[in-house]
Amino acid sequence: MRRLLFAIAVALLAASPTLMASEPAPAPACCSAENMDNASETSELSPVPKQKENVRVKFVIKKLSVPHCKRGPERCELCRKNSEPRWCLLDVDPPDKEMVQRPVIEVVIDGERQFLVYDVIRSFVSEEEARQFLQTSDPADMHFDEKPD
């Protein structure tokens, strides 16, 4: 049986055309000399312009359930334990927005509905403590969202 398989393999190898060392290998159409000359003349693509976002606030105080991880309370035990909504100070204009995955919230600012990524900066025990923090800090770049998540 082994001899038969060996004989078939030798016959197949002998029948297939092979390239000899003296034969030049055909170049793919994309790499022809003409295309390579044109490639050096091609300029680089222009950079993508920065997206201008209309975020008018830096911080939002909102009552929400803070996720522990990406999986959420349906699949994560820690998220289930900490799913009680609480008042939080959120940074809705964090650095490196495009580079890091973050949770997203919906916020209505001046009647305009926006979906913003956020980082939790601080958690408050009660709504009164959150309102007191709002009064003692700079309210110009802060928004108090009374609508619960």
N, C-alpha and C. Protein backbone atom coordinates (compact mmCIF):
# COMPACT_ATOMS: atom_id res chain seq x y z
N MET A 1 0.82 -1.19 0.00
CA MET A 1 0.00 0.00 0.00
C MET A 1 0.88 1.27 0.00
N ARG A 2 1.94 1.22 0.83
CA ARG A 2 2.84 2.37 0.89
C ARG A 2 3.55 2.58 -0.44
N ARG A 3 3.91 1.49 -1.07
CA ARG A 3 4.59 1.60 -2.36
C ARG A 3 3.67 2.22 -3.41
N LEU A 4 2.39 1.86 -3.34
CA LEU A 4 1.42 2.41 -4.28
C LEU A 4 1.28 3.92 -4.08
N LEU A 5 1.16 4.35 -2.83
CA LEU A 5 1.05 5.78 -2.53
C LEU A 5 2.32 6.53 -2.95
N PHE A 6 3.47 5.92 -2.71
CA PHE A 6 4.73 6.54 -3.11
C PHE A 6 4.81 6.68 -4.62
N ALA A 7 4.38 5.67 -5.34
CA ALA A 7 4.41 5.70 -6.81
C ALA A 7 3.47 6.78 -7.35
N ILE A 8 2.30 6.92 -6.73
CA ILE A 8 1.35 7.97 -7.16
C ILE A 8 1.93 9.35 -6.90
N ALA A 9 2.55 9.54 -5.74
CA ALA A 9 3.14 10.84 -5.40
C ALA A 9 4.26 11.20 -6.36
N VAL A 10 5.11 10.24 -6.71
CA VAL A 10 6.21 10.50 -7.64
C VAL A 10 5.66 10.83 -9.02
N ALA A 11 4.61 10.13 -9.44
CA ALA A 11 4.01 10.38 -10.75
C ALA A 11 3.40 11.78 -10.81
N LEU A 12 2.75 12.20 -9.73
CA LEU A 12 2.15 13.53 -9.69
C LEU A 12 3.20 14.62 -9.72
N LEU A 13 4.28 14.44 -8.99
CA LEU A 13 5.36 15.43 -8.98
C LEU A 13 6.04 15.52 -10.34
N ALA A 14 6.21 14.39 -11.00
CA ALA A 14 6.86 14.39 -12.32
C ALA A 14 5.98 15.04 -13.37
N ALA A 15 4.67 14.92 -13.22
CA ALA A 15 3.75 15.46 -14.22
C ALA A 15 3.53 16.96 -14.06
N SER A 16 3.76 17.51 -12.87
CA SER A 16 3.50 18.94 -12.66
C SER A 16 4.66 19.77 -13.20
N PRO A 17 4.34 20.88 -13.88
CA PRO A 17 5.42 21.73 -14.39
C PRO A 17 6.06 22.50 -13.24
N THR A 18 7.34 22.48 -13.17
CA THR A 18 8.05 23.20 -12.12
C THR A 18 8.91 24.28 -12.74
N LEU A 19 9.17 25.31 -11.98
CA LEU A 19 10.03 26.39 -12.44
C LEU A 19 11.48 25.99 -12.22
N MET A 20 12.26 26.22 -13.20
CA MET A 20 13.69 25.97 -13.07
C MET A 20 14.33 27.25 -12.56
N ALA A 21 15.50 27.14 -12.04
CA ALA A 21 16.20 28.29 -11.49
C ALA A 21 16.49 29.33 -12.56
N SER A 22 16.65 28.92 -13.82
CA SER A 22 16.98 29.86 -14.88
C SER A 22 15.75 30.62 -15.38
N GLU A 23 14.54 30.11 -15.10
CA GLU A 23 13.33 30.79 -15.58
C GLU A 23 12.96 31.92 -14.63
N PRO A 24 12.64 33.11 -15.17
CA PRO A 24 12.21 34.20 -14.28
C PRO A 24 10.77 33.96 -13.82
N ALA A 25 10.53 34.24 -12.58
CA ALA A 25 9.18 34.09 -12.04
C ALA A 25 8.33 35.25 -12.54
N PRO A 26 7.11 34.97 -12.99
CA PRO A 26 6.26 36.07 -13.47
C PRO A 26 5.86 36.99 -12.31
N ALA A 27 5.94 38.29 -12.55
CA ALA A 27 5.57 39.26 -11.52
C ALA A 27 4.06 39.47 -11.54
N PRO A 28 3.45 39.65 -10.38
CA PRO A 28 2.02 39.94 -10.35
C PRO A 28 1.74 41.26 -11.06
N ALA A 29 0.54 41.40 -11.58
CA ALA A 29 0.18 42.60 -12.35
C ALA A 29 0.30 43.87 -11.52
N CYS A 30 0.06 43.76 -10.22
CA CYS A 30 0.12 44.96 -9.38
C CYS A 30 1.55 45.44 -9.16
N CYS A 31 2.53 44.59 -9.41
CA CYS A 31 3.92 44.94 -9.11
C CYS A 31 4.77 45.09 -10.37
N SER A 32 4.17 45.38 -11.50
CA SER A 32 4.95 45.54 -12.72
C SER A 32 5.80 46.80 -12.62
N ALA A 33 6.81 46.90 -13.45
CA ALA A 33 7.73 48.04 -13.41
C ALA A 33 6.99 49.35 -13.66
N GLU A 34 6.02 49.33 -14.56
CA GLU A 34 5.26 50.54 -14.87
C GLU A 34 4.45 51.01 -13.65
N ASN A 35 3.81 50.07 -12.99
CA ASN A 35 3.02 50.43 -11.80
C ASN A 35 3.91 50.91 -10.66
N MET A 36 5.09 50.33 -10.52
CA MET A 36 6.00 50.74 -9.46
C MET A 36 6.49 52.17 -9.70
N ASP A 37 6.72 52.55 -10.98
CA ASP A 37 7.12 53.91 -11.29
C ASP A 37 6.01 54.89 -10.94
N ASN A 38 4.77 54.53 -11.25
CA ASN A 38 3.64 55.40 -10.94
C ASN A 38 3.40 55.50 -9.44
N ALA A 39 3.75 54.47 -8.70
CA ALA A 39 3.52 54.47 -7.26
C ALA A 39 4.36 55.53 -6.57
N SER A 40 5.56 55.78 -7.07
CA SER A 40 6.41 56.78 -6.44
C SER A 40 5.87 58.19 -6.68
N GLU A 41 5.09 58.38 -7.74
CA GLU A 41 4.53 59.69 -8.03
C GLU A 41 3.27 59.98 -7.22
N THR A 42 2.68 58.95 -6.65
CA THR A 42 1.43 59.12 -5.90
C THR A 42 1.72 59.78 -4.56
N SER A 43 0.96 60.82 -4.26
CA SER A 43 1.16 61.48 -2.97
C SER A 43 0.40 60.73 -1.88
N GLU A 44 0.74 61.02 -0.65
CA GLU A 44 0.06 60.38 0.47
C GLU A 44 -1.34 60.94 0.60
N LEU A 45 -2.20 60.16 1.23
CA LEU A 45 -3.57 60.62 1.47
C LEU A 45 -3.55 61.77 2.46
N SER A 46 -4.46 62.69 2.28
CA SER A 46 -4.54 63.81 3.21
C SER A 46 -5.09 63.31 4.54
N PRO A 47 -4.67 63.90 5.65
CA PRO A 47 -5.15 63.44 6.96
C PRO A 47 -6.63 63.72 7.13
N VAL A 48 -7.27 62.87 7.91
CA VAL A 48 -8.69 63.04 8.18
C VAL A 48 -8.85 64.23 9.13
N PRO A 49 -9.73 65.18 8.80
CA PRO A 49 -9.88 66.33 9.68
C PRO A 49 -10.50 65.93 11.01
N LYS A 50 -10.15 66.66 12.05
CA LYS A 50 -10.68 66.40 13.39
C LYS A 50 -12.18 66.65 13.38
N GLN A 51 -12.91 65.76 14.04
CA GLN A 51 -14.35 65.94 14.17
C GLN A 51 -14.60 66.98 15.25
N LYS A 52 -15.39 67.96 14.93
CA LYS A 52 -15.71 68.99 15.91
C LYS A 52 -16.98 68.58 16.63
N GLU A 53 -16.85 68.41 17.93
CA GLU A 53 -18.01 68.04 18.73
C GLU A 53 -18.57 69.29 19.38
N ASN A 54 -19.83 69.23 19.64
CA ASN A 54 -20.53 70.38 20.19
C ASN A 54 -20.80 70.18 21.67
N VAL A 55 -19.83 69.69 22.42
CA VAL A 55 -20.00 69.48 23.85
C VAL A 55 -19.80 70.81 24.55
N ARG A 56 -20.88 71.31 25.14
CA ARG A 56 -20.80 72.62 25.79
C ARG A 56 -20.49 72.51 27.28
N VAL A 57 -20.53 71.32 27.81
CA VAL A 57 -20.25 71.12 29.22
C VAL A 57 -19.13 70.10 29.37
N LYS A 58 -18.44 70.19 30.48
CA LYS A 58 -17.37 69.25 30.78
C LYS A 58 -17.84 68.17 31.75
N PHE A 59 -18.72 68.55 32.68
CA PHE A 59 -19.18 67.62 33.71
C PHE A 59 -20.70 67.56 33.75
N VAL A 60 -21.22 66.39 34.09
CA VAL A 60 -22.66 66.18 34.25
C VAL A 60 -22.87 65.46 35.57
N ILE A 61 -23.87 65.92 36.33
CA ILE A 61 -24.28 65.20 37.53
C ILE A 61 -25.58 64.49 37.18
N LYS A 62 -25.58 63.18 37.31
CA LYS A 62 -26.72 62.38 36.86
C LYS A 62 -26.86 61.15 37.76
N LYS A 63 -28.11 60.71 37.93
CA LYS A 63 -28.36 59.48 38.68
C LYS A 63 -28.39 58.32 37.69
N LEU A 64 -27.48 57.36 37.89
CA LEU A 64 -27.42 56.22 36.98
C LEU A 64 -26.80 55.02 37.67
N SER A 65 -27.00 53.87 37.07
CA SER A 65 -26.34 52.65 37.51
C SER A 65 -24.98 52.59 36.83
N VAL A 66 -23.94 52.60 37.61
CA VAL A 66 -22.59 52.61 37.05
C VAL A 66 -22.18 51.18 36.73
N PRO A 67 -21.83 50.90 35.49
CA PRO A 67 -21.42 49.53 35.15
C PRO A 67 -20.03 49.23 35.70
N HIS A 68 -19.84 48.00 36.12
CA HIS A 68 -18.53 47.55 36.60
C HIS A 68 -17.62 47.19 35.42
N CYS A 69 -18.26 46.63 34.38
CA CYS A 69 -17.48 46.20 33.22
C CYS A 69 -18.35 46.26 31.97
N LYS A 70 -17.80 45.85 30.87
CA LYS A 70 -18.47 45.92 29.57
C LYS A 70 -19.63 44.92 29.46
N ARG A 71 -19.57 43.82 30.21
CA ARG A 71 -20.59 42.78 30.08
C ARG A 71 -21.94 43.17 30.67
N GLY A 72 -21.95 44.01 31.69
CA GLY A 72 -23.21 44.47 32.26
C GLY A 72 -23.81 43.52 33.28
N PRO A 73 -24.91 43.94 33.93
CA PRO A 73 -25.50 43.14 35.01
C PRO A 73 -26.12 41.82 34.54
N GLU A 74 -26.40 41.68 33.26
CA GLU A 74 -26.96 40.42 32.76
C GLU A 74 -25.95 39.29 32.84
N ARG A 75 -24.66 39.61 32.70
CA ARG A 75 -23.64 38.56 32.63
C ARG A 75 -22.57 38.66 33.71
N CYS A 76 -22.57 39.72 34.51
CA CYS A 76 -21.50 39.93 35.49
C CYS A 76 -22.08 40.04 36.90
N GLU A 77 -21.54 39.25 37.82
CA GLU A 77 -22.03 39.24 39.20
C GLU A 77 -21.74 40.57 39.90
N LEU A 78 -20.55 41.15 39.71
CA LEU A 78 -20.23 42.43 40.35
C LEU A 78 -21.12 43.56 39.84
N CYS A 79 -21.42 43.55 38.55
CA CYS A 79 -22.33 44.56 37.99
C CYS A 79 -23.72 44.42 38.59
N ARG A 80 -24.16 43.17 38.82
CA ARG A 80 -25.47 42.93 39.43
C ARG A 80 -25.52 43.47 40.85
N LYS A 81 -24.44 43.26 41.61
CA LYS A 81 -24.40 43.72 43.00
C LYS A 81 -24.41 45.25 43.08
N ASN A 82 -23.75 45.91 42.15
CA ASN A 82 -23.62 47.37 42.17
C ASN A 82 -24.59 48.06 41.23
N SER A 83 -25.70 47.42 40.89
CA SER A 83 -26.61 47.99 39.90
C SER A 83 -27.57 49.02 40.48
N GLU A 84 -27.46 49.31 41.77
CA GLU A 84 -28.32 50.32 42.40
C GLU A 84 -27.96 51.71 41.84
N PRO A 85 -28.94 52.45 41.30
CA PRO A 85 -28.63 53.79 40.76
C PRO A 85 -28.16 54.74 41.86
N ARG A 86 -27.19 55.57 41.52
CA ARG A 86 -26.68 56.57 42.47
C ARG A 86 -26.28 57.82 41.71
N TRP A 87 -26.21 58.93 42.43
CA TRP A 87 -25.83 60.21 41.83
C TRP A 87 -24.32 60.22 41.63
N CYS A 88 -23.90 60.60 40.43
CA CYS A 88 -22.47 60.59 40.09
C CYS A 88 -22.09 61.87 39.35
N LEU A 89 -20.86 62.28 39.56
CA LEU A 89 -20.26 63.36 38.78
C LEU A 89 -19.53 62.69 37.63
N LEU A 90 -19.92 63.03 36.40
CA LEU A 90 -19.38 62.39 35.21
C LEU A 90 -18.58 63.39 34.37
N ASP A 91 -17.45 62.97 33.90
CA ASP A 91 -16.66 63.76 32.95
C ASP A 91 -17.10 63.33 31.56
N VAL A 92 -17.85 64.20 30.86
CA VAL A 92 -18.38 63.85 29.54
C VAL A 92 -17.48 64.34 28.40
N ASP A 93 -16.34 64.88 28.75
CA ASP A 93 -15.35 65.28 27.74
C ASP A 93 -13.98 64.75 28.17
N PRO A 94 -13.86 63.41 28.32
CA PRO A 94 -12.61 62.86 28.82
C PRO A 94 -11.51 62.89 27.76
N PRO A 95 -10.26 62.80 28.18
CA PRO A 95 -9.17 62.76 27.21
C PRO A 95 -9.17 61.42 26.47
N ASP A 96 -8.62 61.41 25.28
CA ASP A 96 -8.49 60.20 24.46
C ASP A 96 -9.83 59.50 24.24
N LYS A 97 -10.84 60.26 23.84
CA LYS A 97 -12.17 59.68 23.61
C LYS A 97 -12.14 58.57 22.58
N GLU A 98 -11.37 58.76 21.53
CA GLU A 98 -11.36 57.80 20.43
C GLU A 98 -10.48 56.59 20.72
N MET A 99 -9.63 56.68 21.73
CA MET A 99 -8.65 55.63 21.97
C MET A 99 -9.09 54.60 23.01
N VAL A 100 -10.07 54.93 23.84
CA VAL A 100 -10.47 54.07 24.94
C VAL A 100 -11.97 53.81 24.86
N GLN A 101 -12.38 52.57 25.09
CA GLN A 101 -13.81 52.27 25.12
C GLN A 101 -14.38 52.74 26.44
N ARG A 102 -15.49 53.46 26.36
CA ARG A 102 -16.15 53.96 27.56
C ARG A 102 -17.65 53.77 27.41
N PRO A 103 -18.38 53.77 28.54
CA PRO A 103 -19.84 53.71 28.44
C PRO A 103 -20.39 55.02 27.89
N VAL A 104 -21.62 54.98 27.39
CA VAL A 104 -22.26 56.14 26.77
C VAL A 104 -23.58 56.42 27.49
N ILE A 105 -23.88 57.71 27.69
CA ILE A 105 -25.17 58.10 28.27
C ILE A 105 -25.86 59.08 27.34
N GLU A 106 -27.16 59.17 27.52
CA GLU A 106 -27.95 60.16 26.78
C GLU A 106 -28.21 61.32 27.72
N VAL A 107 -27.91 62.53 27.27
CA VAL A 107 -28.11 63.74 28.07
C VAL A 107 -28.81 64.76 27.19
N VAL A 108 -29.80 65.45 27.77
CA VAL A 108 -30.48 66.54 27.06
C VAL A 108 -29.94 67.84 27.62
N ILE A 109 -29.24 68.59 26.76
CA ILE A 109 -28.65 69.87 27.16
C ILE A 109 -29.24 70.96 26.29
N ASP A 110 -29.90 71.92 26.90
CA ASP A 110 -30.57 73.02 26.19
C ASP A 110 -31.54 72.49 25.14
N GLY A 111 -32.27 71.44 25.48
CA GLY A 111 -33.25 70.87 24.57
C GLY A 111 -32.67 70.01 23.46
N GLU A 112 -31.38 69.84 23.45
CA GLU A 112 -30.71 69.06 22.41
C GLU A 112 -30.25 67.72 22.99
N ARG A 113 -30.68 66.64 22.38
CA ARG A 113 -30.35 65.30 22.85
C ARG A 113 -28.96 64.91 22.35
N GLN A 114 -28.10 64.50 23.29
CA GLN A 114 -26.73 64.13 22.94
C GLN A 114 -26.37 62.79 23.58
N PHE A 115 -25.56 62.02 22.90
CA PHE A 115 -25.02 60.78 23.43
C PHE A 115 -23.53 61.01 23.67
N LEU A 116 -23.12 60.92 24.93
CA LEU A 116 -21.75 61.27 25.30
C LEU A 116 -21.07 60.12 26.04
N VAL A 117 -19.79 59.93 25.77
CA VAL A 117 -19.00 58.98 26.56
C VAL A 117 -18.68 59.65 27.89
N TYR A 118 -18.41 58.84 28.90
CA TYR A 118 -18.14 59.44 30.21
C TYR A 118 -17.19 58.60 31.04
N ASP A 119 -16.57 59.29 32.00
CA ASP A 119 -15.80 58.67 33.07
C ASP A 119 -16.45 59.11 34.37
N VAL A 120 -16.57 58.21 35.34
CA VAL A 120 -17.12 58.57 36.64
C VAL A 120 -16.00 59.20 37.46
N ILE A 121 -16.25 60.43 37.92
CA ILE A 121 -15.26 61.15 38.72
C ILE A 121 -15.53 60.95 40.20
N ARG A 122 -16.81 61.05 40.57
CA ARG A 122 -17.18 60.99 41.98
C ARG A 122 -18.60 60.44 42.11
N SER A 123 -18.86 59.79 43.22
CA SER A 123 -20.19 59.26 43.51
C SER A 123 -20.72 59.97 44.76
N PHE A 124 -22.00 60.34 44.75
CA PHE A 124 -22.60 61.04 45.87
C PHE A 124 -23.56 60.12 46.62
N VAL A 125 -23.70 60.36 47.93
CA VAL A 125 -24.59 59.55 48.76
C VAL A 125 -26.05 59.88 48.48
N SER A 126 -26.33 61.17 48.26
CA SER A 126 -27.72 61.59 48.06
C SER A 126 -27.80 62.70 47.02
N GLU A 127 -29.03 63.02 46.63
CA GLU A 127 -29.25 64.11 45.68
C GLU A 127 -28.86 65.45 46.32
N GLU A 128 -29.12 65.59 47.62
CA GLU A 128 -28.77 66.84 48.31
C GLU A 128 -27.27 67.09 48.27
N GLU A 129 -26.48 66.04 48.48
CA GLU A 129 -25.02 66.19 48.43
C GLU A 129 -24.58 66.58 47.01
N ALA A 130 -25.22 66.03 46.00
CA ALA A 130 -24.89 66.35 44.61
C ALA A 130 -25.23 67.81 44.31
N ARG A 131 -26.40 68.27 44.77
CA ARG A 131 -26.78 69.68 44.56
C ARG A 131 -25.86 70.63 45.31
N GLN A 132 -25.46 70.25 46.51
CA GLN A 132 -24.54 71.08 47.28
C GLN A 132 -23.19 71.18 46.56
N PHE A 133 -22.72 70.09 45.99
CA PHE A 133 -21.47 70.11 45.22
C PHE A 133 -21.60 71.04 44.01
N LEU A 134 -22.76 71.00 43.36
CA LEU A 134 -23.01 71.86 42.20
C LEU A 134 -22.95 73.34 42.59
N GLN A 135 -23.50 73.68 43.75
CA GLN A 135 -23.50 75.08 44.20
C GLN A 135 -22.10 75.57 44.57
N THR A 136 -21.27 74.68 45.12
CA THR A 136 -19.93 75.10 45.55
C THR A 136 -18.91 75.11 44.41
N SER A 137 -19.23 74.48 43.30
CA SER A 137 -18.27 74.43 42.18
C SER A 137 -18.71 75.38 41.08
N ASP A 138 -17.93 75.44 40.00
CA ASP A 138 -18.21 76.33 38.88
C ASP A 138 -19.34 75.73 38.04
N PRO A 139 -20.53 76.33 38.06
CA PRO A 139 -21.66 75.75 37.32
C PRO A 139 -21.61 76.01 35.81
N ALA A 140 -20.65 76.80 35.33
CA ALA A 140 -20.61 77.14 33.90
C ALA A 140 -20.33 75.91 33.04
N ASP A 141 -19.47 75.02 33.50
CA ASP A 141 -19.15 73.84 32.70
C ASP A 141 -19.77 72.57 33.27
N MET A 142 -20.86 72.75 34.05
CA MET A 142 -21.53 71.62 34.67
C MET A 142 -23.01 71.61 34.34
N HIS A 143 -23.57 70.41 34.21
CA HIS A 143 -25.00 70.25 33.92
C HIS A 143 -25.58 69.26 34.92
N PHE A 144 -26.70 69.63 35.54
CA PHE A 144 -27.38 68.73 36.48
C PHE A 144 -28.55 68.10 35.74
N ASP A 145 -28.48 66.81 35.52
CA ASP A 145 -29.53 66.09 34.78
C ASP A 145 -30.46 65.43 35.79
N GLU A 146 -31.68 65.97 35.89
CA GLU A 146 -32.64 65.46 36.88
C GLU A 146 -33.35 64.21 36.40
N LYS A 147 -33.33 63.97 35.09
CA LYS A 147 -34.00 62.78 34.55
C LYS A 147 -33.16 61.55 34.87
N PRO A 148 -33.72 60.58 35.63
CA PRO A 148 -32.92 59.39 35.94
C PRO A 148 -32.70 58.54 34.71
N ASP A 149 -31.63 57.79 34.74
CA ASP A 149 -31.27 56.94 33.61
C ASP A 149 -32.22 55.76 33.47
